[in-house]
Amino acid sequence: MSKKYFRLLLIVYIIAILAVASIPGKSMPKVEIWSIDKIFHFIEYFILAFLAINSFLNSKFKILIIILAGIIYGGFIELWQEYVVGRDASIYDEIANSLGMIIGSIITVGYLKFTND
């Protein structure tokens, strides 16, 4: 798949993350640090990293910029949820987002190097 298609998928995915984060939810009791919710956050940002790396890596963007942008976006989404009825921000969600972004980027770069050699 070309970078053009990965970029289109990336834009759609970024919008989808914001849309899902904007859905009002019921107020829930505090979630444990390690729960299935954190796994979903990790996977969500792992996919974001995969799309971003495939969209930009061999251009002027470097992996650290891609990771930092994903972490900042995850933080923005967490802050955004403070203003959505029935949702709240969680530092543990942001940690899961960040780990998904970092590990997803590293694995994607490794995979691309492995398949291109």
Protein backbone atom coordinates (compact mmCIF):
# COMPACT_ATOMS: atom_id res chain seq x y z
CA MET A 1 0.00 0.00 0.00
CA SER A 2 1.29 3.47 -0.81
CA LYS A 3 2.00 6.26 1.68
CA LYS A 4 -0.96 8.13 0.22
CA TYR A 5 -3.37 5.41 1.32
CA PHE A 6 -1.72 5.06 4.73
CA ARG A 7 -2.09 8.83 5.22
CA LEU A 8 -5.78 8.66 4.31
CA LEU A 9 -6.27 5.77 6.75
CA LEU A 10 -4.33 7.71 9.39
CA ILE A 11 -6.58 10.76 9.02
CA VAL A 12 -9.72 8.63 9.22
CA TYR A 13 -8.34 6.79 12.26
CA ILE A 14 -7.42 10.03 14.08
CA ILE A 15 -10.95 11.33 13.49
CA ALA A 16 -12.41 8.00 14.65
CA ILE A 17 -10.43 8.15 17.92
CA LEU A 18 -11.77 11.65 18.58
CA ALA A 19 -15.32 10.61 17.67
CA VAL A 20 -15.29 7.61 20.03
CA ALA A 21 -13.74 9.71 22.81
CA SER A 22 -16.58 12.22 22.36
CA ILE A 23 -19.37 9.71 23.00
CA PRO A 24 -20.96 10.49 26.35
CA GLY A 25 -20.69 7.66 28.83
CA LYS A 26 -22.00 6.70 32.21
CA SER A 27 -20.00 7.82 35.18
CA MET A 28 -18.06 4.80 36.23
CA PRO A 29 -16.20 4.02 39.39
CA LYS A 30 -12.42 4.37 39.24
CA VAL A 31 -10.95 1.69 37.04
CA GLU A 32 -8.09 -0.37 38.32
CA ILE A 33 -4.66 0.44 36.96
CA TRP A 34 -4.50 -2.83 35.02
CA SER A 35 -7.77 -3.64 33.30
CA ILE A 36 -9.04 -4.63 29.88
CA ASP A 37 -9.62 -0.93 29.18
CA LYS A 38 -5.86 -0.30 29.26
CA ILE A 39 -5.30 -3.11 26.76
CA PHE A 40 -7.76 -1.42 24.38
CA HIS A 41 -5.93 1.89 24.79
CA PHE A 42 -2.61 0.16 24.07
CA ILE A 43 -3.96 -1.53 20.93
CA GLU A 44 -5.64 1.68 19.74
CA TYR A 45 -2.35 3.61 19.85
CA PHE A 46 -0.33 0.66 18.53
CA ILE A 47 -2.50 0.87 15.39
CA LEU A 48 -2.07 4.66 15.33
CA ALA A 49 1.71 4.18 15.44
CA PHE A 50 1.56 1.60 12.62
CA LEU A 51 -0.40 3.97 10.39
CA ALA A 52 1.76 6.99 11.24
CA ILE A 53 5.06 5.17 10.66
CA ASN A 54 3.83 3.82 7.34
CA SER A 55 2.59 7.30 6.39
CA PHE A 56 5.67 9.36 7.23
CA LEU A 57 8.79 7.41 8.16
CA ASN A 58 10.80 7.79 4.97
CA SER A 59 9.94 11.46 4.64
CA LYS A 60 11.26 14.37 6.68
CA PHE A 61 9.58 12.99 9.81
CA LYS A 62 11.67 10.97 12.23
CA ILE A 63 10.40 8.21 14.47
CA LEU A 64 10.79 10.35 17.61
CA ILE A 65 8.60 13.08 16.12
CA ILE A 66 5.95 10.51 15.20
CA ILE A 67 6.03 9.01 18.71
CA LEU A 68 5.90 12.43 20.36
CA ALA A 69 2.98 13.52 18.17
CA GLY A 70 1.06 10.36 19.09
CA ILE A 71 1.72 10.83 22.80
CA ILE A 72 0.59 14.47 22.62
CA TYR A 73 -2.55 13.45 20.72
CA GLY A 74 -3.29 10.81 23.37
CA GLY A 75 -2.92 13.46 26.05
CA PHE A 76 -5.23 15.78 24.14
CA ILE A 77 -7.85 13.04 23.90
CA GLU A 78 -7.61 12.36 27.64
CA LEU A 79 -8.05 16.07 28.41
CA TRP A 80 -10.91 16.26 25.92
CA GLN A 81 -12.74 13.51 27.81
CA GLU A 82 -12.82 15.72 30.92
CA TYR A 83 -15.39 17.83 29.05
CA VAL A 84 -17.50 14.94 27.74
CA VAL A 85 -20.48 14.06 29.93
CA GLY A 86 -19.89 10.85 31.84
CA ARG A 87 -16.23 10.56 30.79
CA ASP A 88 -13.03 11.46 32.56
CA ALA A 89 -9.33 11.73 31.93
CA SER A 90 -6.96 9.13 33.30
CA ILE A 91 -3.20 9.23 33.60
CA TYR A 92 -3.26 5.42 33.35
CA ASP A 93 -5.06 5.64 29.99
CA GLU A 94 -2.38 8.09 28.81
CA ILE A 95 0.35 5.70 29.95
CA ALA A 96 -1.31 2.88 27.98
CA ASN A 97 -1.67 5.22 24.96
CA SER A 98 2.00 6.20 25.18
CA LEU A 99 3.23 2.63 25.53
CA GLY A 100 1.11 1.59 22.54
CA MET A 101 2.58 4.45 20.51
CA ILE A 102 6.19 3.70 21.51
CA ILE A 103 6.05 -0.08 21.15
CA GLY A 104 3.91 0.10 17.99
CA SER A 105 6.42 2.47 16.39
CA ILE A 106 9.42 0.34 17.30
CA ILE A 107 7.83 -2.90 16.10
CA THR A 108 6.61 -1.28 12.87
CA VAL A 109 10.05 0.18 12.09
CA GLY A 110 11.65 -3.19 12.83
CA TYR A 111 9.14 -4.98 10.63
CA LEU A 112 9.65 -2.53 7.77
CA LYS A 113 13.44 -2.91 7.99
CA PHE A 114 13.10 -6.70 8.09
CA THR A 115 10.78 -6.86 5.07
CA ASN A 116 12.76 -4.32 3.03
CA ASP A 117 16.13 -6.02 3.49
